[in-house]
Amino acid sequence: MSFQAYLDNIEKKTGKRPEDFYALAKKKELLGPDFTATQLKAWLKEDFDLGGGHAMAIWAVFKEKGWAGAAKAPGRKKA
């Protein structure tokens, strides 16, 4: 399944796009420097009955947009 297919299926199931989940997470005060993928996954499972793959797709968007996850240190590379 493609990444976009995950996002499309999430929207079909919940009626929400990543931006909507961001707004809801912000409203619930879930976001912050220590917010993790595990916390997002638990919240999405509990409130929206989304599985791990779908949660990780949302997490990827959150990270891409700078909404969650620690920023990479300049010049740091993966080992």
C-alpha atoms as a PDB file:
ATOM      1  CA  MET A   1       0.000   0.000   0.000  1.00  0.00           C
ATOM      2  CA  SER A   2       1.370   3.422  -0.886  1.00  0.00           C
ATOM      3  CA  PHE A   3       1.823   6.182   1.641  1.00  0.00           C
ATOM      4  CA  GLN A   4      -0.926   8.238   0.012  1.00  0.00           C
ATOM      5  CA  ALA A   5      -3.240   5.208   0.113  1.00  0.00           C
ATOM      6  CA  TYR A   6      -2.758   5.074   3.902  1.00  0.00           C
ATOM      7  CA  LEU A   7      -3.711   8.745   4.178  1.00  0.00           C
ATOM      8  CA  ASP A   8      -6.693   8.266   1.860  1.00  0.00           C
ATOM      9  CA  ASN A   9      -7.919   5.279   3.883  1.00  0.00           C
ATOM     10  CA  ILE A  10      -7.563   7.217   7.127  1.00  0.00           C
ATOM     11  CA  GLU A  11      -9.635  10.062   5.725  1.00  0.00           C
ATOM     12  CA  LYS A  12     -12.225   7.621   4.394  1.00  0.00           C
ATOM     13  CA  LYS A  13     -12.513   5.891   7.783  1.00  0.00           C
ATOM     14  CA  THR A  14     -12.417   8.956  10.054  1.00  0.00           C
ATOM     15  CA  GLY A  15     -13.318  11.894   7.829  1.00  0.00           C
ATOM     16  CA  LYS A  16     -10.082  13.531   8.976  1.00  0.00           C
ATOM     17  CA  ARG A  17      -6.841  14.589   7.315  1.00  0.00           C
ATOM     18  CA  PRO A  18      -3.470  14.893   9.077  1.00  0.00           C
ATOM     19  CA  GLU A  19      -4.141  18.603   9.630  1.00  0.00           C
ATOM     20  CA  ASP A  20      -7.352  17.708  11.453  1.00  0.00           C
ATOM     21  CA  PHE A  21      -5.507  15.261  13.714  1.00  0.00           C
ATOM     22  CA  TYR A  22      -2.925  17.944  14.427  1.00  0.00           C
ATOM     23  CA  ALA A  23      -5.637  20.417  15.451  1.00  0.00           C
ATOM     24  CA  LEU A  24      -7.291  17.816  17.680  1.00  0.00           C
ATOM     25  CA  ALA A  25      -3.976  16.802  19.289  1.00  0.00           C
ATOM     26  CA  LYS A  26      -3.200  20.453  19.933  1.00  0.00           C
ATOM     27  CA  LYS A  27      -6.646  21.027  21.445  1.00  0.00           C
ATOM     28  CA  LYS A  28      -6.191  17.976  23.710  1.00  0.00           C
ATOM     29  CA  GLU A  29      -2.756  19.330  24.693  1.00  0.00           C
ATOM     30  CA  LEU A  30      -1.035  16.147  23.553  1.00  0.00           C
ATOM     31  CA  LEU A  31       1.710  17.916  21.626  1.00  0.00           C
ATOM     32  CA  GLY A  32       4.995  18.999  23.111  1.00  0.00           C
ATOM     33  CA  PRO A  33       8.713  18.328  22.897  1.00  0.00           C
ATOM     34  CA  ASP A  34       8.290  14.890  24.496  1.00  0.00           C
ATOM     35  CA  PHE A  35       5.341  13.768  22.337  1.00  0.00           C
ATOM     36  CA  THR A  36       6.165  10.372  20.846  1.00  0.00           C
ATOM     37  CA  ALA A  37       4.948   8.116  18.082  1.00  0.00           C
ATOM     38  CA  THR A  38       3.841   5.646  20.768  1.00  0.00           C
ATOM     39  CA  GLN A  39       1.607   8.277  22.353  1.00  0.00           C
ATOM     40  CA  LEU A  40       0.150   9.226  18.981  1.00  0.00           C
ATOM     41  CA  LYS A  41      -0.471   5.572  18.158  1.00  0.00           C
ATOM     42  CA  ALA A  42      -2.281   4.989  21.473  1.00  0.00           C
ATOM     43  CA  TRP A  43      -4.430   8.095  21.042  1.00  0.00           C
ATOM     44  CA  LEU A  44      -5.387   7.248  17.454  1.00  0.00           C
ATOM     45  CA  LYS A  45      -6.222   3.664  18.446  1.00  0.00           C
ATOM     46  CA  GLU A  46      -8.333   4.740  21.415  1.00  0.00           C
ATOM     47  CA  ASP A  47     -10.202   7.651  19.832  1.00  0.00           C
ATOM     48  CA  PHE A  48     -10.357   6.606  16.166  1.00  0.00           C
ATOM     49  CA  ASP A  49      -9.699   2.833  16.112  1.00  0.00           C
ATOM     50  CA  LEU A  50      -6.725   3.293  13.779  1.00  0.00           C
ATOM     51  CA  GLY A  51      -4.046   0.632  13.595  1.00  0.00           C
ATOM     52  CA  GLY A  52      -0.294   0.965  13.812  1.00  0.00           C
ATOM     53  CA  GLY A  53       0.361   1.441  10.105  1.00  0.00           C
ATOM     54  CA  HIS A  54      -2.153   4.227   9.863  1.00  0.00           C
ATOM     55  CA  ALA A  55      -0.785   5.870  13.017  1.00  0.00           C
ATOM     56  CA  MET A  56       2.738   5.746  11.603  1.00  0.00           C
ATOM     57  CA  ALA A  57       1.522   7.422   8.405  1.00  0.00           C
ATOM     58  CA  ILE A  58       0.063  10.245  10.504  1.00  0.00           C
ATOM     59  CA  TRP A  59       3.295  10.380  12.545  1.00  0.00           C
ATOM     60  CA  ALA A  60       5.310  10.716   9.329  1.00  0.00           C
ATOM     61  CA  VAL A  61       3.210  13.736   8.331  1.00  0.00           C
ATOM     62  CA  PHE A  62       3.542  15.231  11.817  1.00  0.00           C
ATOM     63  CA  LYS A  63       7.331  14.882  11.623  1.00  0.00           C
ATOM     64  CA  GLU A  64       7.517  16.177   8.049  1.00  0.00           C
ATOM     65  CA  LYS A  65       5.528  19.275   8.990  1.00  0.00           C
ATOM     66  CA  GLY A  66       7.542  19.838  12.184  1.00  0.00           C
ATOM     67  CA  TRP A  67       4.517  19.184  14.405  1.00  0.00           C
ATOM     68  CA  ALA A  68       6.208  16.406  16.393  1.00  0.00           C
ATOM     69  CA  GLY A  69       9.491  14.636  16.862  1.00  0.00           C
ATOM     70  CA  ALA A  70      12.828  16.048  17.799  1.00  0.00           C
ATOM     71  CA  ALA A  71      14.541  18.143  15.191  1.00  0.00           C
ATOM     72  CA  LYS A  72      17.750  16.665  13.800  1.00  0.00           C
ATOM     73  CA  ALA A  73      20.956  18.258  14.969  1.00  0.00           C
ATOM     74  CA  PRO A  74      22.801  20.009  12.124  1.00  0.00           C
ATOM     75  CA  GLY A  75      25.453  17.840  10.532  1.00  0.00           C
ATOM     76  CA  ARG A  76      24.385  14.720  12.412  1.00  0.00           C
ATOM     77  CA  LYS A  77      24.147  11.562  10.344  1.00  0.00           C
ATOM     78  CA  LYS A  78      22.692   8.169  11.065  1.00  0.00           C
ATOM     79  CA  ALA A  79      25.232   5.583  12.172  1.00  0.00           C
END
